[in-house]
Amino acid sequence: MVANLGTPGQQLTLRGQDGPVTFTIVGSQPFGLLDGVFGTERTLGPFRAAPQGATMLLDIRDAAQADAVARTVERGLFAQGVDADSVQALLDAGA
């Protein structure tokens, strides 16, 4: 798991849908871009029932299409309140 809630090597215990789940933090990311916990679908599986507000990152093949993909995702999931941006757009806004 990658998180900005600790440092690599530390353990973090979160409450999943079936009880506590303990992870070892293997990396950290800078504060301010996307605060929180990052992991694979399998890693975060115990939290599928989490309330709205979860962040998901999509890996797309053509980085030049990132903004277009973000708009498509946002349009398709507008009714659920989804806000989509490319990571580059977030980095540019932070700079």
PDB file of N, CA and C in Angstrom:
ATOM      1  N   MET A   1       0.835  -1.161   0.000  1.00  0.00           N
ATOM      2  CA  MET A   1       0.000   0.000   0.000  1.00  0.00           C
ATOM      3  C   MET A   1       0.884   1.230   0.000  1.00  0.00           C
ATOM      4  N   VAL A   2       0.428   2.264  -0.668  1.00  0.00           N
ATOM      5  CA  VAL A   2       1.087   3.562  -0.669  1.00  0.00           C
ATOM      6  C   VAL A   2       0.157   4.525   0.064  1.00  0.00           C
ATOM      7  N   ALA A   3       0.720   5.294   0.968  1.00  0.00           N
ATOM      8  CA  ALA A   3      -0.111   6.213   1.761  1.00  0.00           C
ATOM      9  C   ALA A   3       0.694   7.425   2.170  1.00  0.00           C
ATOM     10  N   ASN A   4       0.013   8.505   2.456  1.00  0.00           N
ATOM     11  CA  ASN A   4       0.696   9.649   3.049  1.00  0.00           C
ATOM     12  C   ASN A   4       0.310   9.762   4.521  1.00  0.00           C
ATOM     13  N   LEU A   5      -0.096   8.644   5.094  1.00  0.00           N
ATOM     14  CA  LEU A   5      -0.515   8.591   6.497  1.00  0.00           C
ATOM     15  C   LEU A   5       0.567   7.999   7.386  1.00  0.00           C
ATOM     16  N   GLY A   6       1.744   7.806   6.846  1.00  0.00           N
ATOM     17  CA  GLY A   6       2.839   7.211   7.593  1.00  0.00           C
ATOM     18  C   GLY A   6       4.065   7.145   6.703  1.00  0.00           C
ATOM     19  N   THR A   7       5.040   6.344   7.117  1.00  0.00           N
ATOM     20  CA  THR A   7       6.262   6.202   6.339  1.00  0.00           C
ATOM     21  C   THR A   7       6.456   4.742   5.959  1.00  0.00           C
ATOM     22  N   PRO A   8       7.197   4.497   4.865  1.00  0.00           N
ATOM     23  CA  PRO A   8       7.435   3.112   4.456  1.00  0.00           C
ATOM     24  C   PRO A   8       7.982   2.270   5.611  1.00  0.00           C
ATOM     25  N   GLY A   9       7.424   1.074   5.740  1.00  0.00           N
ATOM     26  CA  GLY A   9       7.797   0.163   6.816  1.00  0.00           C
ATOM     27  C   GLY A   9       6.811   0.159   7.966  1.00  0.00           C
ATOM     28  N   GLN A  10       6.090   1.252   8.150  1.00  0.00           N
ATOM     29  CA  GLN A  10       5.087   1.304   9.219  1.00  0.00           C
ATOM     30  C   GLN A  10       3.882   0.458   8.840  1.00  0.00           C
ATOM     31  N   GLN A  11       3.188  -0.005   9.866  1.00  0.00           N
ATOM     32  CA  GLN A  11       1.952  -0.735   9.628  1.00  0.00           C
ATOM     33  C   GLN A  11       0.770   0.177   9.909  1.00  0.00           C
ATOM     34  N   LEU A  12      -0.296  -0.041   9.145  1.00  0.00           N
ATOM     35  CA  LEU A  12      -1.510   0.755   9.248  1.00  0.00           C
ATOM     36  C   LEU A  12      -2.678  -0.216   9.296  1.00  0.00           C
ATOM     37  N   THR A  13      -3.531  -0.088  10.287  1.00  0.00           N
ATOM     38  CA  THR A  13      -4.698  -0.961  10.407  1.00  0.00           C
ATOM     39  C   THR A  13      -5.951  -0.142  10.136  1.00  0.00           C
ATOM     40  N   LEU A  14      -6.751  -0.643   9.184  1.00  0.00           N
ATOM     41  CA  LEU A  14      -8.005  -0.004   8.815  1.00  0.00           C
ATOM     42  C   LEU A  14      -9.140  -0.990   9.044  1.00  0.00           C
ATOM     43  N   ARG A  15     -10.333  -0.502   9.290  1.00  0.00           N
ATOM     44  CA  ARG A  15     -11.479  -1.381   9.497  1.00  0.00           C
ATOM     45  C   ARG A  15     -12.139  -1.641   8.152  1.00  0.00           C
ATOM     46  N   GLY A  16     -12.073  -2.907   7.724  1.00  0.00           N
ATOM     47  CA  GLY A  16     -12.724  -3.340   6.496  1.00  0.00           C
ATOM     48  C   GLY A  16     -14.128  -3.828   6.785  1.00  0.00           C
ATOM     49  N   GLN A  17     -14.827  -4.265   5.758  1.00  0.00           N
ATOM     50  CA  GLN A  17     -16.210  -4.712   5.952  1.00  0.00           C
ATOM     51  C   GLN A  17     -16.307  -5.950   6.823  1.00  0.00           C
ATOM     52  N   ASP A  18     -15.215  -6.735   6.948  1.00  0.00           N
ATOM     53  CA  ASP A  18     -15.228  -7.935   7.789  1.00  0.00           C
ATOM     54  C   ASP A  18     -14.326  -7.808   9.018  1.00  0.00           C
ATOM     55  N   GLY A  19     -13.918  -6.578   9.346  1.00  0.00           N
ATOM     56  CA  GLY A  19     -13.079  -6.374  10.510  1.00  0.00           C
ATOM     57  C   GLY A  19     -11.767  -5.705  10.148  1.00  0.00           C
ATOM     58  N   PRO A  20     -10.821  -5.652  11.107  1.00  0.00           N
ATOM     59  CA  PRO A  20      -9.565  -4.944  10.889  1.00  0.00           C
ATOM     60  C   PRO A  20      -8.700  -5.616   9.822  1.00  0.00           C
ATOM     61  N   VAL A  21      -8.026  -4.762   9.028  1.00  0.00           N
ATOM     62  CA  VAL A  21      -7.089  -5.219   8.002  1.00  0.00           C
ATOM     63  C   VAL A  21      -5.803  -4.432   8.220  1.00  0.00           C
ATOM     64  N   THR A  22      -4.676  -5.135   8.381  1.00  0.00           N
ATOM     65  CA  THR A  22      -3.395  -4.479   8.625  1.00  0.00           C
ATOM     66  C   THR A  22      -2.540  -4.527   7.370  1.00  0.00           C
ATOM     67  N   PHE A  23      -1.993  -3.381   7.017  1.00  0.00           N
ATOM     68  CA  PHE A  23      -1.136  -3.238   5.845  1.00  0.00           C
ATOM     69  C   PHE A  23       0.229  -2.745   6.281  1.00  0.00           C
ATOM     70  N   THR A  24       1.237  -3.042   5.472  1.00  0.00           N
ATOM     71  CA  THR A  24       2.550  -2.438   5.636  1.00  0.00           C
ATOM     72  C   THR A  24       2.694  -1.389   4.543  1.00  0.00           C
ATOM     73  N   ILE A  25       3.033  -0.183   4.927  1.00  0.00           N
ATOM     74  CA  ILE A  25       3.206   0.897   3.957  1.00  0.00           C
ATOM     75  C   ILE A  25       4.517   0.658   3.213  1.00  0.00           C
ATOM     76  N   VAL A  26       4.447   0.605   1.886  1.00  0.00           N
ATOM     77  CA  VAL A  26       5.636   0.334   1.074  1.00  0.00           C
ATOM     78  C   VAL A  26       6.121   1.572   0.340  1.00  0.00           C
ATOM     79  N   GLY A  27       5.349   2.634   0.357  1.00  0.00           N
ATOM     80  CA  GLY A  27       5.748   3.863  -0.316  1.00  0.00           C
ATOM     81  C   GLY A  27       4.901   5.015   0.166  1.00  0.00           C
ATOM     82  N   SER A  28       5.363   6.208  -0.136  1.00  0.00           N
ATOM     83  CA  SER A  28       4.593   7.387   0.229  1.00  0.00           C
ATOM     84  C   SER A  28       4.583   8.331  -0.962  1.00  0.00           C
ATOM     85  N   GLN A  29       3.581   9.188  -1.007  1.00  0.00           N
ATOM     86  CA  GLN A  29       3.459  10.167  -2.076  1.00  0.00           C
ATOM     87  C   GLN A  29       3.386  11.550  -1.449  1.00  0.00           C
ATOM     88  N   PRO A  30       3.707  12.578  -2.218  1.00  0.00           N
ATOM     89  CA  PRO A  30       3.703  13.934  -1.649  1.00  0.00           C
ATOM     90  C   PRO A  30       2.317  14.342  -1.161  1.00  0.00           C
ATOM     91  N   PHE A  31       2.290  15.101  -0.100  1.00  0.00           N
ATOM     92  CA  PHE A  31       1.030  15.627   0.414  1.00  0.00           C
ATOM     93  C   PHE A  31       0.428  16.602  -0.583  1.00  0.00           C
ATOM     94  N   GLY A  32      -0.881  16.694  -0.575  1.00  0.00           N
ATOM     95  CA  GLY A  32      -1.559  17.710  -1.348  1.00  0.00           C
ATOM     96  C   GLY A  32      -2.084  17.259  -2.693  1.00  0.00           C
ATOM     97  N   LEU A  33      -1.463  16.284  -3.342  1.00  0.00           N
ATOM     98  CA  LEU A  33      -1.945  15.861  -4.655  1.00  0.00           C
ATOM     99  C   LEU A  33      -3.193  15.015  -4.493  1.00  0.00           C
ATOM    100  N   LEU A  34      -3.049  13.863  -3.907  1.00  0.00           N
ATOM    101  CA  LEU A  34      -4.166  12.957  -3.635  1.00  0.00           C
ATOM    102  C   LEU A  34      -3.933  12.356  -2.261  1.00  0.00           C
ATOM    103  N   ASP A  35      -4.379  13.024  -1.235  1.00  0.00           N
ATOM    104  CA  ASP A  35      -4.166  12.539   0.125  1.00  0.00           C
ATOM    105  C   ASP A  35      -4.942  11.253   0.358  1.00  0.00           C
ATOM    106  N   GLY A  36      -4.341  10.319   1.065  1.00  0.00           N
ATOM    107  CA  GLY A  36      -5.042   9.104   1.426  1.00  0.00           C
ATOM    108  C   GLY A  36      -4.206   7.861   1.246  1.00  0.00           C
ATOM    109  N   VAL A  37      -4.877   6.757   0.933  1.00  0.00           N
ATOM    110  CA  VAL A  37      -4.283   5.434   0.818  1.00  0.00           C
ATOM    111  C   VAL A  37      -4.489   4.941  -0.606  1.00  0.00           C
ATOM    112  N   PHE A  38      -3.458   4.347  -1.183  1.00  0.00           N
ATOM    113  CA  PHE A  38      -3.524   3.864  -2.554  1.00  0.00           C
ATOM    114  C   PHE A  38      -3.128   2.400  -2.598  1.00  0.00           C
ATOM    115  N   GLY A  39      -3.855   1.614  -3.352  1.00  0.00           N
ATOM    116  CA  GLY A  39      -3.539   0.200  -3.481  1.00  0.00           C
ATOM    117  C   GLY A  39      -4.270  -0.398  -4.669  1.00  0.00           C
ATOM    118  N   THR A  40      -4.002  -1.654  -4.929  1.00  0.00           N
ATOM    119  CA  THR A  40      -4.657  -2.345  -6.032  1.00  0.00           C
ATOM    120  C   THR A  40      -6.101  -2.671  -5.673  1.00  0.00           C
ATOM    121  N   GLU A  41      -6.861  -3.103  -6.665  1.00  0.00           N
ATOM    122  CA  GLU A  41      -8.257  -3.494  -6.408  1.00  0.00           C
ATOM    123  C   GLU A  41      -8.307  -4.617  -5.380  1.00  0.00           C
ATOM    124  N   ARG A  42      -7.392  -5.560  -5.480  1.00  0.00           N
ATOM    125  CA  ARG A  42      -7.359  -6.680  -4.527  1.00  0.00           C
ATOM    126  C   ARG A  42      -7.034  -6.180  -3.116  1.00  0.00           C
ATOM    127  N   THR A  43      -6.059  -5.290  -3.019  1.00  0.00           N
ATOM    128  CA  THR A  43      -5.656  -4.759  -1.716  1.00  0.00           C
ATOM    129  C   THR A  43      -6.804  -4.032  -1.035  1.00  0.00           C
ATOM    130  N   LEU A  44      -7.545  -3.265  -1.813  1.00  0.00           N
ATOM    131  CA  LEU A  44      -8.616  -2.450  -1.233  1.00  0.00           C
ATOM    132  C   LEU A  44      -9.973  -3.138  -1.260  1.00  0.00           C
ATOM    133  N   GLY A  45     -10.020  -4.400  -1.668  1.00  0.00           N
ATOM    134  CA  GLY A  45     -11.256  -5.169  -1.720  1.00  0.00           C
ATOM    135  C   GLY A  45     -12.066  -5.163  -0.433  1.00  0.00           C
ATOM    136  N   PRO A  46     -11.428  -5.274   0.751  1.00  0.00           N
ATOM    137  CA  PRO A  46     -12.202  -5.272   1.996  1.00  0.00           C
ATOM    138  C   PRO A  46     -12.949  -3.961   2.264  1.00  0.00           C
ATOM    139  N   PHE A  47     -12.734  -2.957   1.412  1.00  0.00           N
ATOM    140  CA  PHE A  47     -13.347  -1.643   1.632  1.00  0.00           C
ATOM    141  C   PHE A  47     -14.331  -1.280   0.520  1.00  0.00           C
ATOM    142  N   ARG A  48     -14.802  -2.286  -0.222  1.00  0.00           N
ATOM    143  CA  ARG A  48     -15.737  -2.034  -1.338  1.00  0.00           C
ATOM    144  C   ARG A  48     -16.996  -1.304  -0.882  1.00  0.00           C
ATOM    145  N   ALA A  49     -17.409  -1.530   0.332  1.00  0.00           N
ATOM    146  CA  ALA A  49     -18.629  -0.905   0.838  1.00  0.00           C
ATOM    147  C   ALA A  49     -18.357   0.473   1.442  1.00  0.00           C
ATOM    148  N   ALA A  50     -17.168   1.022   1.177  1.00  0.00           N
ATOM    149  CA  ALA A  50     -16.804   2.325   1.744  1.00  0.00           C
ATOM    150  C   ALA A  50     -17.750   3.410   1.241  1.00  0.00           C
ATOM    151  N   PRO A  51     -17.968   4.433   2.052  1.00  0.00           N
ATOM    152  CA  PRO A  51     -18.852   5.520   1.623  1.00  0.00           C
ATOM    153  C   PRO A  51     -18.259   6.295   0.456  1.00  0.00           C
ATOM    154  N   GLN A  52     -19.084   7.113  -0.168  1.00  0.00           N
ATOM    155  CA  GLN A  52     -18.607   7.945  -1.269  1.00  0.00           C
ATOM    156  C   GLN A  52     -17.453   8.802  -0.802  1.00  0.00           C
ATOM    157  N   GLY A  53     -16.626   9.173  -1.745  1.00  0.00           N
ATOM    158  CA  GLY A  53     -15.462   9.984  -1.420  1.00  0.00           C
ATOM    159  C   GLY A  53     -14.184   9.229  -1.692  1.00  0.00           C
ATOM    160  N   ALA A  54     -14.294   8.009  -2.169  1.00  0.00           N
ATOM    161  CA  ALA A  54     -13.111   7.222  -2.501  1.00  0.00           C
ATOM    162  C   ALA A  54     -12.483   7.761  -3.775  1.00  0.00           C
ATOM    163  N   THR A  55     -11.166   7.646  -3.886  1.00  0.00           N
ATOM    164  CA  THR A  55     -10.426   8.072  -5.064  1.00  0.00           C
ATOM    165  C   THR A  55      -9.921   6.856  -5.806  1.00  0.00           C
ATOM    166  N   MET A  56     -10.049   6.889  -7.106  1.00  0.00           N
ATOM    167  CA  MET A  56      -9.531   5.799  -7.940  1.00  0.00           C
ATOM    168  C   MET A  56      -8.630   6.405  -8.999  1.00  0.00           C
ATOM    169  N   LEU A  57      -7.526   5.727  -9.302  1.00  0.00           N
ATOM    170  CA  LEU A  57      -6.622   6.144 -10.371  1.00  0.00           C
ATOM    171  C   LEU A  57      -6.746   5.149 -11.508  1.00  0.00           C
ATOM    172  N   LEU A  58      -6.861   5.648 -12.714  1.00  0.00           N
ATOM    173  CA  LEU A  58      -6.937   4.798 -13.893  1.00  0.00           C
ATOM    174  C   LEU A  58      -5.648   4.952 -14.679  1.00  0.00           C
ATOM    175  N   ASP A  59      -5.075   3.843 -15.093  1.00  0.00           N
ATOM    176  CA  ASP A  59      -3.868   3.856 -15.911  1.00  0.00           C
ATOM    177  C   ASP A  59      -4.306   3.726 -17.368  1.00  0.00           C
ATOM    178  N   ILE A  60      -4.109   4.782 -18.145  1.00  0.00           N
ATOM    179  CA  ILE A  60      -4.522   4.733 -19.548  1.00  0.00           C
ATOM    180  C   ILE A  60      -3.290   4.605 -20.432  1.00  0.00           C
ATOM    181  N   ARG A  61      -3.478   4.014 -21.601  1.00  0.00           N
ATOM    182  CA  ARG A  61      -2.353   3.743 -22.498  1.00  0.00           C
ATOM    183  C   ARG A  61      -1.773   4.996 -23.136  1.00  0.00           C
ATOM    184  N   ASP A  62      -2.609   5.949 -23.490  1.00  0.00           N
ATOM    185  CA  ASP A  62      -2.164   7.148 -24.197  1.00  0.00           C
ATOM    186  C   ASP A  62      -2.321   8.360 -23.287  1.00  0.00           C
ATOM    187  N   ALA A  63      -1.211   8.789 -22.690  1.00  0.00           N
ATOM    188  CA  ALA A  63      -1.258   9.901 -21.735  1.00  0.00           C
ATOM    189  C   ALA A  63      -1.814  11.175 -22.355  1.00  0.00           C
ATOM    190  N   ALA A  64      -1.679  11.327 -23.662  1.00  0.00           N
ATOM    191  CA  ALA A  64      -2.201  12.520 -24.326  1.00  0.00           C
ATOM    192  C   ALA A  64      -3.727  12.561 -24.271  1.00  0.00           C
ATOM    193  N   GLN A  65      -4.353  11.437 -24.001  1.00  0.00           N
ATOM    194  CA  GLN A  65      -5.817  11.363 -23.926  1.00  0.00           C
ATOM    195  C   GLN A  65      -6.348  11.480 -22.500  1.00  0.00           C
ATOM    196  N   ALA A  66      -5.480  11.745 -21.534  1.00  0.00           N
ATOM    197  CA  ALA A  66      -5.882  11.739 -20.123  1.00  0.00           C
ATOM    198  C   ALA A  66      -7.038  12.687 -19.835  1.00  0.00           C
ATOM    199  N   ASP A  67      -6.987  13.915 -20.355  1.00  0.00           N
ATOM    200  CA  ASP A  67      -8.076  14.859 -20.089  1.00  0.00           C
ATOM    201  C   ASP A  67      -9.374  14.397 -20.741  1.00  0.00           C
ATOM    202  N   ALA A  68      -9.281  13.858 -21.953  1.00  0.00           N
ATOM    203  CA  ALA A  68     -10.482  13.368 -22.646  1.00  0.00           C
ATOM    204  C   ALA A  68     -11.088  12.186 -21.901  1.00  0.00           C
ATOM    205  N   VAL A  69     -10.244  11.291 -21.396  1.00  0.00           N
ATOM    206  CA  VAL A  69     -10.742  10.144 -20.630  1.00  0.00           C
ATOM    207  C   VAL A  69     -11.414  10.637 -19.345  1.00  0.00           C
ATOM    208  N   ALA A  70     -10.804  11.614 -18.685  1.00  0.00           N
ATOM    209  CA  ALA A  70     -11.389  12.171 -17.453  1.00  0.00           C
ATOM    210  C   ALA A  70     -12.772  12.749 -17.731  1.00  0.00           C
ATOM    211  N   ARG A  71     -12.923  13.475 -18.827  1.00  0.00           N
ATOM    212  CA  ARG A  71     -14.230  14.051 -19.164  1.00  0.00           C
ATOM    213  C   ARG A  71     -15.249  12.953 -19.462  1.00  0.00           C
ATOM    214  N   THR A  72     -14.825  11.881 -20.140  1.00  0.00           N
ATOM    215  CA  THR A  72     -15.722  10.770 -20.456  1.00  0.00           C
ATOM    216  C   THR A  72     -16.190  10.082 -19.177  1.00  0.00           C
ATOM    217  N   VAL A  73     -15.265   9.841 -18.257  1.00  0.00           N
ATOM    218  CA  VAL A  73     -15.615   9.218 -16.977  1.00  0.00           C
ATOM    219  C   VAL A  73     -16.581  10.116 -16.214  1.00  0.00           C
ATOM    220  N   GLU A  74     -16.272  11.392 -16.182  1.00  0.00           N
ATOM    221  CA  GLU A  74     -17.115  12.337 -15.454  1.00  0.00           C
ATOM    222  C   GLU A  74     -18.529  12.386 -16.045  1.00  0.00           C
ATOM    223  N   ARG A  75     -18.627  12.452 -17.372  1.00  0.00           N
ATOM    224  CA  ARG A  75     -19.941  12.465 -18.026  1.00  0.00           C
ATOM    225  C   ARG A  75     -20.727  11.198 -17.728  1.00  0.00           C
ATOM    226  N   GLY A  76     -20.051  10.049 -17.816  1.00  0.00           N
ATOM    227  CA  GLY A  76     -20.729   8.779 -17.610  1.00  0.00           C
ATOM    228  C   GLY A  76     -21.177   8.541 -16.188  1.00  0.00           C
ATOM    229  N   LEU A  77     -20.514   9.171 -15.233  1.00  0.00           N
ATOM    230  CA  LEU A  77     -20.832   8.946 -13.821  1.00  0.00           C
ATOM    231  C   LEU A  77     -21.290  10.220 -13.112  1.00  0.00           C
ATOM    232  N   PHE A  78     -21.730  11.191 -13.889  1.00  0.00           N
ATOM    233  CA  PHE A  78     -22.164  12.476 -13.332  1.00  0.00           C
ATOM    234  C   PHE A  78     -23.252  12.311 -12.283  1.00  0.00           C
ATOM    235  N   ALA A  79     -24.207  11.430 -12.551  1.00  0.00           N
ATOM    236  CA  ALA A  79     -25.335  11.237 -11.630  1.00  0.00           C
ATOM    237  C   ALA A  79     -24.889  10.748 -10.262  1.00  0.00           C
ATOM    238  N   GLN A  80     -23.719  10.082 -10.197  1.00  0.00           N
ATOM    239  CA  GLN A  80     -23.195   9.606  -8.915  1.00  0.00           C
ATOM    240  C   GLN A  80     -22.277  10.638  -8.259  1.00  0.00           C
ATOM    241  N   GLY A  81     -22.112  11.803  -8.891  1.00  0.00           N
ATOM    242  CA  GLY A  81     -21.310  12.870  -8.301  1.00  0.00           C
ATOM    243  C   GLY A  81     -19.818  12.723  -8.514  1.00  0.00           C
ATOM    244  N   VAL A  82     -19.424  11.985  -9.562  1.00  0.00           N
ATOM    245  CA  VAL A  82     -18.004  11.751  -9.811  1.00  0.00           C
ATOM    246  C   VAL A  82     -17.340  13.005 -10.362  1.00  0.00           C
ATOM    247  N   ASP A  83     -16.175  13.322  -9.838  1.00  0.00           N
ATOM    248  CA  ASP A  83     -15.324  14.404 -10.319  1.00  0.00           C
ATOM    249  C   ASP A  83     -14.058  13.746 -10.842  1.00  0.00           C
ATOM    250  N   ALA A  84     -13.733  13.938 -12.109  1.00  0.00           N
ATOM    251  CA  ALA A  84     -12.568  13.273 -12.706  1.00  0.00           C
ATOM    252  C   ALA A  84     -11.598  14.311 -13.253  1.00  0.00           C
ATOM    253  N   ASP A  85     -10.310  14.109 -12.978  1.00  0.00           N
ATOM    254  CA  ASP A  85      -9.236  14.963 -13.486  1.00  0.00           C
ATOM    255  C   ASP A  85      -8.046  14.091 -13.811  1.00  0.00           C
ATOM    256  N   SER A  86      -7.213  14.557 -14.734  1.00  0.00           N
ATOM    257  CA  SER A  86      -5.961  13.842 -14.978  1.00  0.00           C
ATOM    258  C   SER A  86      -4.976  14.211 -13.871  1.00  0.00           C
ATOM    259  N   VAL A  87      -4.052  13.322 -13.587  1.00  0.00           N
ATOM    260  CA  VAL A  87      -3.031  13.613 -12.573  1.00  0.00           C
ATOM    261  C   VAL A  87      -2.227  14.835 -12.996  1.00  0.00           C
ATOM    262  N   GLN A  88      -1.951  14.946 -14.297  1.00  0.00           N
ATOM    263  CA  GLN A  88      -1.189  16.101 -14.786  1.00  0.00           C
ATOM    264  C   GLN A  88      -1.942  17.401 -14.496  1.00  0.00           C
ATOM    265  N   ALA A  89      -3.267  17.406 -14.680  1.00  0.00           N
ATOM    266  CA  ALA A  89      -4.049  18.604 -14.380  1.00  0.00           C
ATOM    267  C   ALA A  89      -3.967  18.958 -12.891  1.00  0.00           C
ATOM    268  N   LEU A  90      -3.977  17.939 -12.037  1.00  0.00           N
ATOM    269  CA  LEU A  90      -3.840  18.193 -10.600  1.00  0.00           C
ATOM    270  C   LEU A  90      -2.461  18.733 -10.255  1.00  0.00           C
ATOM    271  N   LEU A  91      -1.423  18.174 -10.891  1.00  0.00           N
ATOM    272  CA  LEU A  91      -0.059  18.665 -10.673  1.00  0.00           C
ATOM    273  C   LEU A  91       0.074  20.107 -11.140  1.00  0.00           C
ATOM    274  N   ASP A  92      -0.483  20.390 -12.327  1.00  0.00           N
ATOM    275  CA  ASP A  92      -0.410  21.757 -12.862  1.00  0.00           C
ATOM    276  C   ASP A  92      -1.131  22.734 -11.937  1.00  0.00           C
ATOM    277  N   ALA A  93      -2.289  22.345 -11.410  1.00  0.00           N
ATOM    278  CA  ALA A  93      -3.042  23.216 -10.516  1.00  0.00           C
ATOM    279  C   ALA A  93      -2.287  23.447  -9.207  1.00  0.00           C
ATOM    280  N   GLY A  94      -1.555  22.443  -8.749  1.00  0.00           N
ATOM    281  CA  GLY A  94      -0.785  22.572  -7.508  1.00  0.00           C
ATOM    282  C   GLY A  94       0.455  23.422  -7.654  1.00  0.00           C
ATOM    283  N   ALA A  95       0.957  23.500  -8.895  1.00  0.00           N
ATOM    284  CA  ALA A  95       2.176  24.292  -9.133  1.00  0.00           C
ATOM    285  C   ALA A  95       1.779  25.716  -9.249  1.00  0.00           C
TER     286      ALA A  95
END
